[in-house]
């Protein structure tokens, strides 16, 4: 069985949008579980004002995090479910 893999270099800098089309920012980095390699969060670069007003988890350096569970699709954009962010 073949699985689709998205390399880190391929998603770095991509725009993050909700399925409703609201822009959230760009991917700056990711956090992952070192033992399993499981993706945990997307670190947001240049968050929009809308994104800043969401109740998102933050890193110790106050960067916003979007949980992996909110990701719907990865293509030209990273599409996330806004319901899974709130």
C-alpha atoms as a PDB file:
ATOM      1  CA  UNK A   1       0.000   0.000   0.000  1.00  0.00           C
ATOM      2  CA  UNK A   2       1.438   3.351  -1.031  1.00  0.00           C
ATOM      3  CA  UNK A   3       0.967   6.361   1.233  1.00  0.00           C
ATOM      4  CA  UNK A   4       1.269   9.990   0.252  1.00  0.00           C
ATOM      5  CA  UNK A   5       4.033  11.766   2.131  1.00  0.00           C
ATOM      6  CA  UNK A   6       4.545  15.498   2.405  1.00  0.00           C
ATOM      7  CA  UNK A   7       8.122  16.491   3.101  1.00  0.00           C
ATOM      8  CA  UNK A   8       8.796  19.312   5.533  1.00  0.00           C
ATOM      9  CA  UNK A   9      10.529  21.333   2.829  1.00  0.00           C
ATOM     10  CA  UNK A  10       7.406  20.988   0.686  1.00  0.00           C
ATOM     11  CA  UNK A  11       5.041  22.527   3.240  1.00  0.00           C
ATOM     12  CA  UNK A  12       7.357  25.149   4.767  1.00  0.00           C
ATOM     13  CA  UNK A  13       6.069  28.609   3.860  1.00  0.00           C
ATOM     14  CA  UNK A  14       2.671  27.433   2.575  1.00  0.00           C
ATOM     15  CA  UNK A  15      -0.350  29.545   3.415  1.00  0.00           C
ATOM     16  CA  UNK A  16      -2.738  28.178   6.035  1.00  0.00           C
ATOM     17  CA  UNK A  17      -6.441  28.786   5.370  1.00  0.00           C
ATOM     18  CA  UNK A  18      -9.680  27.557   6.887  1.00  0.00           C
ATOM     19  CA  UNK A  19     -12.096  25.553   4.774  1.00  0.00           C
ATOM     20  CA  UNK A  20     -14.211  28.729   4.706  1.00  0.00           C
ATOM     21  CA  UNK A  21     -11.293  30.595   3.089  1.00  0.00           C
ATOM     22  CA  UNK A  22     -10.072  32.671   6.048  1.00  0.00           C
ATOM     23  CA  UNK A  23      -6.314  33.204   5.956  1.00  0.00           C
ATOM     24  CA  UNK A  24      -4.460  32.273   9.124  1.00  0.00           C
ATOM     25  CA  UNK A  25      -0.795  32.782   8.188  1.00  0.00           C
ATOM     26  CA  UNK A  26       2.054  30.672   6.840  1.00  0.00           C
ATOM     27  CA  UNK A  27       3.878  27.578   8.067  1.00  0.00           C
ATOM     28  CA  UNK A  28       7.065  28.542   9.867  1.00  0.00           C
ATOM     29  CA  UNK A  29       7.884  25.195  11.451  1.00  0.00           C
ATOM     30  CA  UNK A  30       6.334  22.017  12.819  1.00  0.00           C
ATOM     31  CA  UNK A  31       6.465  20.215  16.142  1.00  0.00           C
ATOM     32  CA  UNK A  32       6.554  16.446  16.216  1.00  0.00           C
ATOM     33  CA  UNK A  33       7.018  13.459  18.495  1.00  0.00           C
ATOM     34  CA  UNK A  34      10.679  12.496  18.159  1.00  0.00           C
ATOM     35  CA  UNK A  35      10.194   8.778  18.795  1.00  0.00           C
ATOM     36  CA  UNK A  36       7.397   8.158  16.312  1.00  0.00           C
ATOM     37  CA  UNK A  37       7.844  11.117  13.969  1.00  0.00           C
ATOM     38  CA  UNK A  38       4.152  11.958  14.410  1.00  0.00           C
ATOM     39  CA  UNK A  39       3.280  15.558  13.521  1.00  0.00           C
ATOM     40  CA  UNK A  40       1.795  17.404  16.489  1.00  0.00           C
ATOM     41  CA  UNK A  41       1.463  21.098  15.550  1.00  0.00           C
ATOM     42  CA  UNK A  42       2.091  23.630  12.816  1.00  0.00           C
ATOM     43  CA  UNK A  43       3.916  26.777  13.944  1.00  0.00           C
ATOM     44  CA  UNK A  44       2.363  29.874  12.345  1.00  0.00           C
ATOM     45  CA  UNK A  45       4.450  32.620  10.744  1.00  0.00           C
ATOM     46  CA  UNK A  46       2.902  36.046  10.091  1.00  0.00           C
ATOM     47  CA  UNK A  47      -0.436  35.251  11.765  1.00  0.00           C
ATOM     48  CA  UNK A  48      -3.374  37.398  10.681  1.00  0.00           C
ATOM     49  CA  UNK A  49      -5.312  39.509  13.176  1.00  0.00           C
ATOM     50  CA  UNK A  50      -8.101  36.918  12.955  1.00  0.00           C
ATOM     51  CA  UNK A  51      -5.643  34.163  13.911  1.00  0.00           C
ATOM     52  CA  UNK A  52      -4.307  36.162  16.853  1.00  0.00           C
ATOM     53  CA  UNK A  53      -7.854  36.404  18.239  1.00  0.00           C
ATOM     54  CA  UNK A  54      -8.365  32.633  18.196  1.00  0.00           C
ATOM     55  CA  UNK A  55      -7.689  30.784  21.423  1.00  0.00           C
ATOM     56  CA  UNK A  56      -4.724  28.822  20.044  1.00  0.00           C
ATOM     57  CA  UNK A  57      -1.965  27.166  22.014  1.00  0.00           C
ATOM     58  CA  UNK A  58       1.361  29.056  21.978  1.00  0.00           C
ATOM     59  CA  UNK A  59       5.014  28.104  22.179  1.00  0.00           C
ATOM     60  CA  UNK A  60       7.253  29.384  24.955  1.00  0.00           C
ATOM     61  CA  UNK A  61       8.325  32.156  22.545  1.00  0.00           C
ATOM     62  CA  UNK A  62       4.630  33.104  22.026  1.00  0.00           C
ATOM     63  CA  UNK A  63       4.281  31.654  18.512  1.00  0.00           C
ATOM     64  CA  UNK A  64       0.830  30.333  17.604  1.00  0.00           C
ATOM     65  CA  UNK A  65       0.291  26.601  17.113  1.00  0.00           C
ATOM     66  CA  UNK A  66      -2.289  24.856  14.943  1.00  0.00           C
ATOM     67  CA  UNK A  67      -2.926  21.229  15.946  1.00  0.00           C
ATOM     68  CA  UNK A  68      -2.348  18.514  13.375  1.00  0.00           C
ATOM     69  CA  UNK A  69      -5.851  17.215  14.043  1.00  0.00           C
ATOM     70  CA  UNK A  70      -7.285  20.387  12.424  1.00  0.00           C
ATOM     71  CA  UNK A  71      -5.593  19.724   9.057  1.00  0.00           C
ATOM     72  CA  UNK A  72      -8.058  18.715   6.342  1.00  0.00           C
ATOM     73  CA  UNK A  73      -5.846  18.825   3.255  1.00  0.00           C
ATOM     74  CA  UNK A  74      -2.353  19.688   2.090  1.00  0.00           C
ATOM     75  CA  UNK A  75      -1.935  21.015  -1.437  1.00  0.00           C
ATOM     76  CA  UNK A  76      -1.196  24.500  -2.702  1.00  0.00           C
ATOM     77  CA  UNK A  77      -2.498  25.623   0.707  1.00  0.00           C
ATOM     78  CA  UNK A  78      -2.804  23.940   4.085  1.00  0.00           C
ATOM     79  CA  UNK A  79      -6.547  23.726   4.724  1.00  0.00           C
ATOM     80  CA  UNK A  80      -7.711  23.423   8.315  1.00  0.00           C
ATOM     81  CA  UNK A  81     -11.065  23.039  10.009  1.00  0.00           C
ATOM     82  CA  UNK A  82     -11.892  26.123  12.027  1.00  0.00           C
ATOM     83  CA  UNK A  83     -14.169  24.055  14.272  1.00  0.00           C
ATOM     84  CA  UNK A  84     -11.135  22.043  15.389  1.00  0.00           C
ATOM     85  CA  UNK A  85      -9.278  25.236  16.340  1.00  0.00           C
ATOM     86  CA  UNK A  86     -11.868  26.660  18.719  1.00  0.00           C
END
